[in-house]
Amino acid sequence: MNHKISYQEGSVRKRGRKYYYRFRMEEPDGTMKMHEFVGTESKRETENILKKAIDEYNELGKLLDPGDITVEELMDEWFRTEIEPSSRATTTLDSYRNVMDHVRAHRIGKLKLKEVTVEVLQAYVDEKYFGEYDENGKEIKHSYSESSMKEEFVVLNGIFKFAVYPKEYLKSSPMQHVKKRKKPKESDLFGDDAEKVETITHDEFLKVVEFLSTHKNSYGDGYEYMVLPVQISYYTGLRAGEIAGLCWDDIDIPGRRLIVRRSMFKDSGTKCWELKVPKNGKQRVVDFGETLAGILTEAKEQQERDRKLYGELYQKHYCQIQSIKGRQHNMIFTDIHTKNGVIGSRVGHGRLIEEADKKIRLLPLEFVCRKSDGEMVTIQTLKNCNKVVQKNLNTIPFHMHGLRHTYGSNMIASGANYKDVQELMGHSDISITLNTYAHSNERTRKRSVDLMEKELAH
């Protein structure tokens, strides 16, 4: 820093209706000269502005013109001071970072605030809504989904509201005048335009279970550990992260019910498998039938046999709650005993237990889904399951999330109440249940038509 520090506190005086603030700043010839600036009609506000101005000058050697700050600089300051310290979920922070990367890669990221207009912002969001095309009408960039556009608006609104308050760089946010667009729906006038949810039949489900239970890959490794997650998903509709995070103390087999308390995910910051509350931020109870009760009983007995067979080589998992940058992280640590001290770079274990904080308590985790040596099943494991089945049974439209849809569709087809299905599946609003499944089941529609026919016949 080669400029002279302004050590004085400065002063505030009233002229007309407004207050003005002044303090000494260095001139080109090296002398210090008093400079005066307009404040507000409030003396206290103007005194605060004076203090900020002196601090800014002492740090930078000049006063920033708010209009010269770029969108990218504003965005980074907003994220650092407003978003990172907040209680938002890690997945939410990742989605914000993704939008910020879009802004950074676009020309608006380098624009100064004084160059940003409603028209500039509208053009940016329209590019995302409708995609980009060359002069011949060929698409060069795909349009964004509705959910992605919601995230774009959340971030852009947040950035420019931040510029208005507390930064006071702008008098008002230009985003308040930017319009959300609705993309026209494409329809096939001669085809089947009905929305469909990818589901599988019970026979297809049995084929998937039979394949995973009996086949091996080119290395001679089996897929048996993938069977239980598939069965749990099919009979309960749990999400992939909820299945991976399910522990035995969450399940009451005699009572045929389980509690969804947590979900597993990979934290992008800590690079560690962690646990969080389920989607929508609340626990839920899921009832299940005799079939799954028998499957779980057998699985628990098999795990006990595996534990005895592997002995000290059986992997153990623990949760340690750490506070990192003011945020709670429920980190998974794994105790792996090896004879040679070498561990492969596999995705099926948390941080090694040697890395845990010795001062913080470790909570044992008895995961329901694990391999024969105790290695936990993660979301990545379930993604691999999708690839294995899709490659080997390509006539079956299999996907782990599709099993969740299959569960919901089967429940509706069996005459279940929509409110019950909403609660079992953990939908935040019943409209999600209605919109997803009201149009998806042919049997329920035909049953309603047949009932009407019988009434009219009398």
Protein backbone atom coordinates (compact mmCIF):
# COMPACT_ATOMS: atom_id res chain seq x y z
CA MET A 1 0.00 0.00 0.00
CA ASN A 2 1.73 3.22 -1.15
CA HIS A 3 -0.96 5.85 -0.49
CA LYS A 4 -1.16 8.03 2.61
CA ILE A 5 -3.54 6.85 5.31
CA SER A 6 -6.34 9.23 6.30
CA TYR A 7 -6.15 9.05 10.10
CA GLN A 8 -8.75 11.74 10.89
CA GLU A 9 -12.33 10.81 11.68
CA GLY A 10 -13.78 13.30 9.21
CA SER A 11 -16.87 15.37 9.84
CA VAL A 12 -20.55 15.69 8.93
CA ARG A 13 -22.50 18.91 8.35
CA LYS A 14 -25.99 19.80 7.18
CA ARG A 15 -26.61 21.88 4.06
CA GLY A 16 -30.25 22.37 3.16
CA ARG A 17 -32.20 19.14 3.68
CA LYS A 18 -29.21 16.80 3.34
CA TYR A 19 -26.10 16.01 5.35
CA TYR A 20 -22.66 16.01 3.75
CA TYR A 21 -19.54 14.16 4.89
CA ARG A 22 -15.89 15.07 4.34
CA PHE A 23 -12.39 13.84 5.10
CA ARG A 24 -8.86 14.25 3.80
CA MET A 25 -7.57 12.33 0.77
CA GLU A 26 -4.20 12.32 -0.93
CA GLU A 27 -3.75 14.55 -3.98
CA PRO A 28 -1.53 13.66 -7.01
CA ASP A 29 1.23 15.92 -5.58
CA GLY A 30 1.25 13.96 -2.30
CA THR A 31 -0.54 16.57 -0.18
CA MET A 32 -3.69 15.79 1.81
CA LYS A 33 -6.80 17.75 0.90
CA MET A 34 -10.33 17.79 2.34
CA HIS A 35 -12.98 16.26 0.04
CA GLU A 36 -16.71 16.54 0.61
CA PHE A 37 -19.48 14.20 -0.56
CA VAL A 38 -23.26 14.24 -0.37
CA GLY A 39 -24.90 11.93 2.19
CA THR A 40 -28.56 11.47 3.11
CA GLU A 41 -31.23 13.37 5.06
CA SER A 42 -30.29 11.33 8.14
CA LYS A 43 -27.27 12.41 10.20
CA ARG A 44 -26.74 8.88 11.58
CA GLU A 45 -26.84 7.31 8.10
CA THR A 46 -24.39 9.89 6.78
CA GLU A 47 -22.01 9.25 9.72
CA ASN A 48 -22.09 5.53 8.87
CA ILE A 49 -21.38 6.33 5.22
CA LEU A 50 -18.42 8.50 6.32
CA LYS A 51 -16.93 5.67 8.40
CA LYS A 52 -17.27 3.21 5.50
CA ALA A 53 -15.73 5.73 3.08
CA ILE A 54 -12.66 6.29 5.30
CA ASP A 55 -12.21 2.52 5.77
CA GLU A 56 -12.50 1.99 2.01
CA TYR A 57 -10.03 4.76 1.25
CA ASN A 58 -7.51 3.46 3.82
CA GLU A 59 -7.72 -0.02 2.32
CA LEU A 60 -7.76 0.81 -1.40
CA GLY A 61 -6.30 4.32 -1.64
CA LYS A 62 -9.45 5.52 -3.41
CA LEU A 63 -13.23 5.53 -3.15
CA LEU A 64 -14.94 3.01 -5.34
CA ASP A 65 -17.55 4.20 -7.79
CA PRO A 66 -20.29 1.62 -7.21
CA GLY A 67 -21.06 1.74 -10.90
CA ASP A 68 -17.57 0.44 -11.70
CA ILE A 69 -18.02 -2.78 -9.75
CA THR A 70 -18.58 -5.74 -12.09
CA VAL A 71 -21.45 -8.20 -11.78
CA GLU A 72 -18.91 -10.93 -11.10
CA GLU A 73 -17.33 -8.96 -8.23
CA LEU A 74 -20.73 -8.17 -6.77
CA MET A 75 -21.77 -11.82 -7.08
CA ASP A 76 -18.67 -13.10 -5.29
CA GLU A 77 -19.14 -10.60 -2.44
CA TRP A 78 -22.84 -11.58 -2.13
CA PHE A 79 -21.99 -15.28 -1.95
CA ARG A 80 -19.12 -14.79 0.51
CA THR A 81 -20.94 -12.50 2.94
CA GLU A 82 -24.62 -13.46 2.59
CA ILE A 83 -24.84 -17.06 1.40
CA GLU A 84 -21.87 -19.07 2.72
CA PRO A 85 -22.50 -18.12 6.38
CA SER A 86 -26.22 -19.00 6.05
CA SER A 87 -27.90 -22.27 7.06
CA ARG A 88 -28.64 -23.28 3.47
CA ALA A 89 -28.01 -26.93 2.59
CA THR A 90 -24.78 -27.90 0.83
CA THR A 91 -26.76 -29.00 -2.23
CA THR A 92 -28.33 -25.53 -2.39
CA LEU A 93 -24.91 -23.88 -2.20
CA ASP A 94 -23.74 -26.13 -5.05
CA SER A 95 -26.72 -25.12 -7.20
CA TYR A 96 -25.94 -21.44 -6.52
CA ARG A 97 -22.30 -21.97 -7.49
CA ASN A 98 -23.48 -23.63 -10.71
CA VAL A 99 -25.55 -20.56 -11.64
CA MET A 100 -22.63 -18.29 -10.72
CA ASP A 101 -20.44 -20.24 -13.15
CA HIS A 102 -23.03 -19.54 -15.88
CA VAL A 103 -22.90 -15.80 -15.10
CA ARG A 104 -19.10 -15.87 -15.01
CA ALA A 105 -18.92 -17.56 -18.41
CA HIS A 106 -21.35 -15.05 -19.95
CA ARG A 107 -20.46 -11.50 -20.95
CA ILE A 108 -22.74 -10.02 -18.26
CA GLY A 109 -20.29 -11.26 -15.63
CA LYS A 110 -17.72 -8.68 -16.79
CA LEU A 111 -20.20 -5.82 -17.15
CA LYS A 112 -20.02 -2.94 -14.68
CA LEU A 113 -23.15 -2.23 -12.64
CA LYS A 114 -23.67 1.05 -14.47
CA GLU A 115 -23.80 -0.94 -17.73
CA VAL A 116 -26.42 -3.41 -16.51
CA THR A 117 -29.93 -2.65 -17.73
CA VAL A 118 -33.23 -4.51 -17.61
CA GLU A 119 -32.79 -5.24 -21.33
CA VAL A 120 -29.35 -6.80 -20.74
CA LEU A 121 -30.66 -9.06 -18.00
CA GLN A 122 -33.78 -9.97 -19.98
CA ALA A 123 -31.60 -10.98 -22.94
CA TYR A 124 -29.51 -13.18 -20.62
CA VAL A 125 -32.45 -15.05 -19.12
CA ASP A 126 -34.12 -15.38 -22.55
CA GLU A 127 -31.00 -17.13 -23.84
CA LYS A 128 -31.35 -19.61 -20.99
CA TYR A 129 -35.11 -20.02 -21.51
CA PHE A 130 -35.03 -20.61 -25.25
CA GLY A 131 -31.46 -21.61 -26.07
CA GLU A 132 -29.13 -19.97 -28.59
CA TYR A 133 -29.16 -20.34 -32.36
CA ASP A 134 -26.82 -19.40 -35.19
CA GLU A 135 -27.80 -17.31 -38.20
CA ASN A 136 -29.11 -20.44 -39.95
CA GLY A 137 -31.41 -21.30 -37.07
CA LYS A 138 -29.28 -24.18 -35.84
CA GLU A 139 -29.29 -24.64 -32.08
CA ILE A 140 -25.84 -24.01 -30.59
CA LYS A 141 -26.83 -23.99 -26.91
CA HIS A 142 -29.68 -25.93 -25.31
CA SER A 143 -32.42 -24.21 -23.34
CA TYR A 144 -32.55 -24.67 -19.57
CA SER A 145 -35.21 -26.64 -17.70
CA GLU A 146 -37.87 -24.90 -15.61
CA SER A 147 -36.14 -25.95 -12.37
CA SER A 148 -32.78 -24.57 -13.62
CA MET A 149 -34.44 -21.27 -14.54
CA LYS A 150 -35.87 -20.98 -11.02
CA GLU A 151 -32.33 -21.26 -9.67
CA GLU A 152 -31.10 -18.61 -12.15
CA PHE A 153 -33.75 -16.18 -10.91
CA VAL A 154 -33.05 -16.92 -7.24
CA VAL A 155 -29.36 -16.06 -7.67
CA LEU A 156 -29.85 -13.03 -9.92
CA ASN A 157 -32.55 -11.59 -7.65
CA GLY A 158 -30.31 -12.19 -4.64
CA ILE A 159 -27.32 -10.47 -6.25
CA PHE A 160 -29.12 -7.27 -7.22
CA LYS A 161 -31.14 -7.03 -3.99
CA PHE A 162 -27.77 -7.23 -2.22
CA ALA A 163 -26.55 -4.34 -4.41
CA VAL A 164 -29.52 -2.27 -3.23
CA TYR A 165 -29.25 -3.23 0.43
CA PRO A 166 -27.00 -3.46 2.37
CA LYS A 167 -24.40 -2.31 -0.19
CA GLU A 168 -26.38 0.71 -1.51
CA TYR A 169 -24.68 0.43 -4.89
CA LEU A 170 -28.05 0.76 -6.65
CA LYS A 171 -31.27 2.62 -5.91
CA SER A 172 -33.40 -0.32 -7.09
CA SER A 173 -32.92 -3.80 -8.53
CA PRO A 174 -33.18 -4.12 -12.32
CA MET A 175 -34.27 -7.74 -11.81
CA GLN A 176 -37.68 -6.59 -10.56
CA HIS A 177 -38.60 -5.76 -14.15
CA VAL A 178 -37.16 -8.91 -15.78
CA LYS A 179 -39.95 -11.21 -16.97
CA LYS A 180 -40.15 -14.95 -16.52
CA ARG A 181 -40.97 -16.74 -19.74
CA LYS A 182 -43.12 -19.75 -20.49
CA LYS A 183 -41.81 -22.02 -23.18
CA PRO A 184 -44.48 -23.30 -25.58
CA LYS A 185 -45.15 -26.99 -25.18
CA GLU A 186 -44.29 -29.14 -28.14
CA SER A 187 -46.94 -31.69 -29.02
CA ASP A 188 -47.15 -34.51 -31.50
CA LEU A 189 -50.48 -34.18 -33.31
CA PHE A 190 -50.24 -37.73 -34.60
CA GLY A 191 -48.54 -39.50 -31.72
CA ASP A 192 -49.10 -40.23 -28.06
CA ASP A 193 -48.68 -36.91 -26.24
CA ALA A 194 -49.73 -38.24 -22.83
CA GLU A 195 -47.15 -37.72 -20.11
CA LYS A 196 -45.73 -40.96 -18.84
CA VAL A 197 -43.81 -41.89 -15.73
CA GLU A 198 -41.12 -44.52 -16.20
CA THR A 199 -42.22 -47.56 -14.22
CA ILE A 200 -41.59 -51.30 -14.41
CA THR A 201 -43.88 -54.28 -13.98
CA HIS A 202 -43.62 -56.75 -11.12
CA ASP A 203 -42.25 -59.39 -13.49
CA GLU A 204 -39.55 -56.96 -14.66
CA PHE A 205 -38.69 -56.20 -11.04
CA LEU A 206 -38.27 -59.92 -10.35
CA LYS A 207 -36.02 -60.28 -13.42
CA VAL A 208 -33.79 -57.46 -12.14
CA VAL A 209 -33.52 -59.06 -8.69
CA GLU A 210 -32.77 -62.46 -10.22
CA PHE A 211 -30.03 -61.01 -12.46
CA LEU A 212 -28.32 -59.07 -9.65
CA SER A 213 -28.51 -62.11 -7.37
CA THR A 214 -26.83 -64.55 -9.77
CA HIS A 215 -24.56 -62.74 -12.23
CA LYS A 216 -20.95 -61.57 -11.90
CA ASN A 217 -18.86 -59.01 -13.78
CA SER A 218 -15.72 -59.70 -15.81
CA TYR A 219 -13.61 -59.56 -12.62
CA GLY A 220 -15.69 -62.26 -10.99
CA ASP A 221 -17.39 -59.87 -8.55
CA GLY A 222 -21.09 -60.35 -7.90
CA TYR A 223 -23.88 -57.79 -7.66
CA GLU A 224 -25.67 -59.28 -4.63
CA TYR A 225 -25.16 -56.11 -2.56
CA MET A 226 -27.33 -54.20 -5.06
CA VAL A 227 -30.36 -56.43 -4.48
CA LEU A 228 -31.48 -55.12 -1.07
CA PRO A 229 -31.49 -51.41 -2.11
CA VAL A 230 -33.59 -52.33 -5.17
CA GLN A 231 -36.05 -54.28 -3.01
CA ILE A 232 -36.34 -51.49 -0.42
CA SER A 233 -36.96 -48.92 -3.15
CA TYR A 234 -39.59 -51.09 -4.86
CA TYR A 235 -41.54 -51.80 -1.66
CA THR A 236 -41.21 -48.40 0.09
CA GLY A 237 -40.56 -45.72 -2.56
CA LEU A 238 -37.58 -44.31 -0.64
CA ARG A 239 -35.19 -42.00 -2.45
CA ALA A 240 -31.67 -43.25 -3.21
CA GLY A 241 -30.02 -41.10 -0.53
CA GLU A 242 -32.60 -42.22 2.03
CA ILE A 243 -31.91 -45.88 1.25
CA ALA A 244 -28.15 -45.38 1.59
CA GLY A 245 -28.61 -43.56 4.92
CA LEU A 246 -31.05 -46.11 6.39
CA CYS A 247 -29.84 -47.79 9.61
CA TRP A 248 -31.19 -50.81 11.44
CA ASP A 249 -32.39 -48.73 14.38
CA ASP A 250 -34.69 -46.93 11.92
CA ILE A 251 -36.59 -50.16 11.20
CA ASP A 252 -39.23 -51.96 13.26
CA ILE A 253 -39.52 -55.28 11.42
CA PRO A 254 -42.26 -56.82 13.65
CA GLY A 255 -44.25 -53.58 13.41
CA ARG A 256 -43.56 -53.44 9.65
CA ARG A 257 -42.61 -49.78 9.59
CA LEU A 258 -39.50 -47.67 9.21
CA ILE A 259 -38.60 -44.07 9.94
CA VAL A 260 -36.80 -42.03 7.31
CA ARG A 261 -34.52 -39.92 9.52
CA ARG A 262 -31.59 -39.12 7.27
CA SER A 263 -30.23 -39.11 3.73
CA MET A 264 -26.67 -39.74 2.51
CA PHE A 265 -24.86 -37.39 0.13
CA LYS A 266 -21.33 -36.45 -0.94
CA ASP A 267 -20.37 -32.99 0.29
CA SER A 268 -18.56 -31.08 -2.45
CA GLY A 269 -16.63 -28.98 0.08
CA THR A 270 -15.38 -31.63 2.51
CA LYS A 271 -15.20 -34.34 -0.21
CA CYS A 272 -16.74 -36.64 2.36
CA TRP A 273 -19.87 -38.78 2.52
CA GLU A 274 -22.22 -37.11 4.97
CA LEU A 275 -25.72 -37.42 6.39
CA LYS A 276 -28.44 -34.78 6.31
CA VAL A 277 -32.15 -34.55 7.11
CA PRO A 278 -34.39 -35.96 4.34
CA LYS A 279 -35.70 -33.79 1.54
CA ASN A 280 -38.27 -31.23 2.80
CA GLY A 281 -36.40 -31.19 6.11
CA LYS A 282 -38.54 -33.58 8.12
CA GLN A 283 -38.71 -37.24 9.08
CA ARG A 284 -41.51 -39.53 7.98
CA VAL A 285 -42.87 -42.97 8.81
CA VAL A 286 -43.21 -45.53 6.02
CA ASP A 287 -45.23 -48.71 6.54
CA PHE A 288 -44.37 -51.86 4.59
CA GLY A 289 -45.79 -55.33 4.06
CA GLU A 290 -44.90 -58.90 4.94
CA THR A 291 -42.79 -59.40 1.81
CA LEU A 292 -40.27 -56.70 2.71
CA ALA A 293 -40.41 -57.72 6.39
CA GLY A 294 -39.19 -61.18 5.36
CA ILE A 295 -36.50 -59.71 3.09
CA LEU A 296 -35.18 -57.44 5.86
CA THR A 297 -35.18 -60.24 8.43
CA GLU A 298 -33.09 -62.42 6.15
CA ALA A 299 -30.75 -59.52 5.30
CA LYS A 300 -30.13 -58.75 8.98
CA GLU A 301 -29.34 -62.38 9.75
CA GLN A 302 -26.96 -62.53 6.77
CA GLN A 303 -25.13 -59.40 7.98
CA GLU A 304 -24.58 -61.03 11.37
CA ARG A 305 -23.09 -64.09 9.64
CA ASP A 306 -20.87 -61.83 7.51
CA ARG A 307 -19.73 -59.93 10.59
CA LYS A 308 -18.61 -63.17 12.26
CA LEU A 309 -17.00 -64.46 9.06
CA TYR A 310 -14.89 -61.31 8.45
CA GLY A 311 -14.13 -60.67 12.10
CA GLU A 312 -11.76 -57.73 12.54
CA LEU A 313 -11.73 -57.16 8.76
CA TYR A 314 -15.43 -56.21 8.80
CA GLN A 315 -15.79 -52.47 8.09
CA LYS A 316 -17.35 -50.28 10.78
CA HIS A 317 -18.84 -46.83 10.20
CA TYR A 318 -19.31 -43.84 12.48
CA CYS A 319 -20.85 -40.38 12.27
CA GLN A 320 -19.01 -37.40 13.72
CA ILE A 321 -20.71 -34.02 13.92
CA GLN A 322 -18.20 -31.28 13.09
CA SER A 323 -18.66 -27.53 12.69
CA ILE A 324 -16.81 -26.18 9.66
CA LYS A 325 -17.06 -22.46 8.85
CA GLY A 326 -20.12 -22.23 11.06
CA ARG A 327 -21.96 -25.08 9.30
CA GLN A 328 -22.79 -28.48 10.78
CA HIS A 329 -21.35 -31.48 8.93
CA ASN A 330 -22.50 -35.00 9.85
CA MET A 331 -19.44 -36.72 8.45
CA ILE A 332 -19.07 -40.48 7.97
CA PHE A 333 -15.82 -42.10 9.11
CA THR A 334 -14.87 -45.71 8.40
CA ASP A 335 -12.75 -48.07 10.46
CA ILE A 336 -10.99 -50.37 8.00
CA HIS A 337 -8.55 -52.98 9.22
CA THR A 338 -5.94 -53.97 6.63
CA LYS A 339 -2.93 -56.24 6.97
CA ASN A 340 -0.70 -54.19 4.68
CA GLY A 341 -2.11 -50.76 5.49
CA VAL A 342 -3.14 -50.11 1.86
CA ILE A 343 -6.72 -49.14 1.03
CA GLY A 344 -8.03 -48.87 -2.50
CA SER A 345 -9.58 -45.58 -3.67
CA ARG A 346 -13.13 -46.88 -3.52
CA VAL A 347 -16.24 -44.78 -3.06
CA GLY A 348 -17.78 -47.13 -0.48
CA HIS A 349 -16.19 -45.75 2.65
CA GLY A 350 -16.19 -42.47 4.48
CA ARG A 351 -13.12 -40.64 5.68
CA LEU A 352 -10.75 -43.01 7.47
CA ILE A 353 -11.32 -43.06 11.22
CA GLU A 354 -7.72 -41.89 11.77
CA GLU A 355 -8.80 -38.52 10.27
CA ALA A 356 -11.59 -38.00 12.80
CA ASP A 357 -11.33 -35.34 15.52
CA LYS A 358 -10.24 -37.18 18.65
CA LYS A 359 -12.07 -34.66 20.84
CA ILE A 360 -15.51 -35.25 19.28
CA ARG A 361 -17.68 -38.29 19.97
CA LEU A 362 -18.13 -40.93 17.26
CA LEU A 363 -21.66 -42.29 16.82
CA PRO A 364 -21.84 -45.90 15.48
CA LEU A 365 -23.75 -46.37 12.21
CA GLU A 366 -25.29 -49.76 11.43
CA PHE A 367 -26.25 -49.29 7.80
CA VAL A 368 -28.94 -51.57 6.40
CA CYS A 369 -27.42 -51.68 2.91
CA ARG A 370 -23.80 -52.82 2.83
CA LYS A 371 -21.52 -55.31 1.15
CA SER A 372 -20.50 -58.62 2.67
CA ASP A 373 -17.33 -57.10 4.20
CA GLY A 374 -19.36 -54.28 5.80
CA GLU A 375 -18.56 -51.63 3.17
CA MET A 376 -21.45 -49.17 3.02
CA VAL A 377 -23.61 -48.73 -0.05
CA THR A 378 -23.59 -45.11 -1.28
CA ILE A 379 -25.52 -43.14 -3.86
CA GLN A 380 -22.66 -43.83 -6.25
CA THR A 381 -23.22 -47.55 -5.72
CA LEU A 382 -26.85 -47.11 -6.73
CA LYS A 383 -25.84 -45.14 -9.84
CA ASN A 384 -23.60 -48.08 -10.77
CA CYS A 385 -26.61 -50.35 -10.25
CA ASN A 386 -28.49 -48.35 -12.89
CA LYS A 387 -25.64 -48.83 -15.36
CA VAL A 388 -25.33 -52.57 -14.67
CA VAL A 389 -29.02 -53.29 -15.19
CA GLN A 390 -29.41 -50.97 -18.18
CA LYS A 391 -26.43 -52.61 -19.88
CA ASN A 392 -27.46 -56.21 -19.25
CA LEU A 393 -31.27 -55.94 -19.26
CA ASN A 394 -31.71 -53.17 -21.80
CA THR A 395 -35.34 -54.05 -22.57
CA ILE A 396 -36.34 -53.08 -19.01
CA PRO A 397 -36.67 -49.29 -18.38
CA PHE A 398 -34.82 -49.60 -15.07
CA HIS A 399 -33.66 -46.72 -12.90
CA MET A 400 -33.54 -46.46 -9.11
CA HIS A 401 -35.68 -43.33 -9.17
CA GLY A 402 -38.05 -45.13 -11.52
CA LEU A 403 -38.62 -47.68 -8.74
CA ARG A 404 -39.89 -44.81 -6.59
CA HIS A 405 -42.35 -43.91 -9.36
CA THR A 406 -43.30 -47.58 -9.66
CA TYR A 407 -44.12 -47.67 -5.94
CA GLY A 408 -46.30 -44.56 -6.21
CA SER A 409 -48.11 -45.86 -9.29
CA ASN A 410 -48.71 -49.27 -7.68
CA MET A 411 -50.12 -47.59 -4.58
CA ILE A 412 -52.57 -45.49 -6.62
CA ALA A 413 -53.54 -48.50 -8.77
CA SER A 414 -54.32 -50.45 -5.60
CA GLY A 415 -56.80 -47.77 -4.53
CA ALA A 416 -54.63 -45.97 -1.98
CA ASN A 417 -55.68 -42.53 -0.81
CA TYR A 418 -53.63 -39.74 -2.41
CA LYS A 419 -52.98 -38.15 0.98
CA ASP A 420 -51.55 -41.44 2.27
CA VAL A 421 -49.32 -41.72 -0.81
CA GLN A 422 -48.11 -38.15 -0.26
CA GLU A 423 -47.10 -38.91 3.33
CA LEU A 424 -45.49 -42.26 2.50
CA MET A 425 -43.40 -40.75 -0.31
CA GLY A 426 -42.49 -37.57 1.55
CA HIS A 427 -43.93 -35.11 -0.96
CA SER A 428 -44.01 -31.59 0.49
CA ASP A 429 -47.36 -30.87 -1.14
CA ILE A 430 -50.19 -33.12 -2.28
CA SER A 431 -50.20 -31.33 -5.65
CA ILE A 432 -46.86 -33.05 -6.39
CA THR A 433 -48.52 -36.44 -5.79
CA LEU A 434 -51.55 -35.52 -7.89
CA ASN A 435 -49.52 -34.08 -10.76
CA THR A 436 -47.15 -37.06 -10.83
CA TYR A 437 -49.61 -39.92 -10.56
CA ALA A 438 -53.14 -38.71 -11.37
CA HIS A 439 -52.55 -39.14 -15.12
CA SER A 440 -50.15 -42.06 -14.98
CA ASN A 441 -52.33 -45.06 -14.27
CA GLU A 442 -54.56 -46.51 -16.91
CA ARG A 443 -56.20 -49.03 -14.58
CA THR A 444 -57.63 -46.40 -12.23
CA ARG A 445 -59.03 -44.39 -15.15
CA LYS A 446 -60.71 -47.43 -16.65
CA ARG A 447 -62.09 -48.43 -13.26
CA SER A 448 -63.73 -45.01 -12.94
CA VAL A 449 -65.25 -45.29 -16.43
CA ASP A 450 -66.57 -48.80 -15.70
CA LEU A 451 -68.21 -47.59 -12.47
CA MET A 452 -69.95 -44.82 -14.40
CA GLU A 453 -71.14 -47.33 -17.03
CA LYS A 454 -72.66 -49.57 -14.32
CA GLU A 455 -74.47 -46.61 -12.77
CA LEU A 456 -75.92 -45.53 -16.12
CA ALA A 457 -77.07 -49.08 -16.88
CA HIS A 458 -79.43 -49.19 -13.85
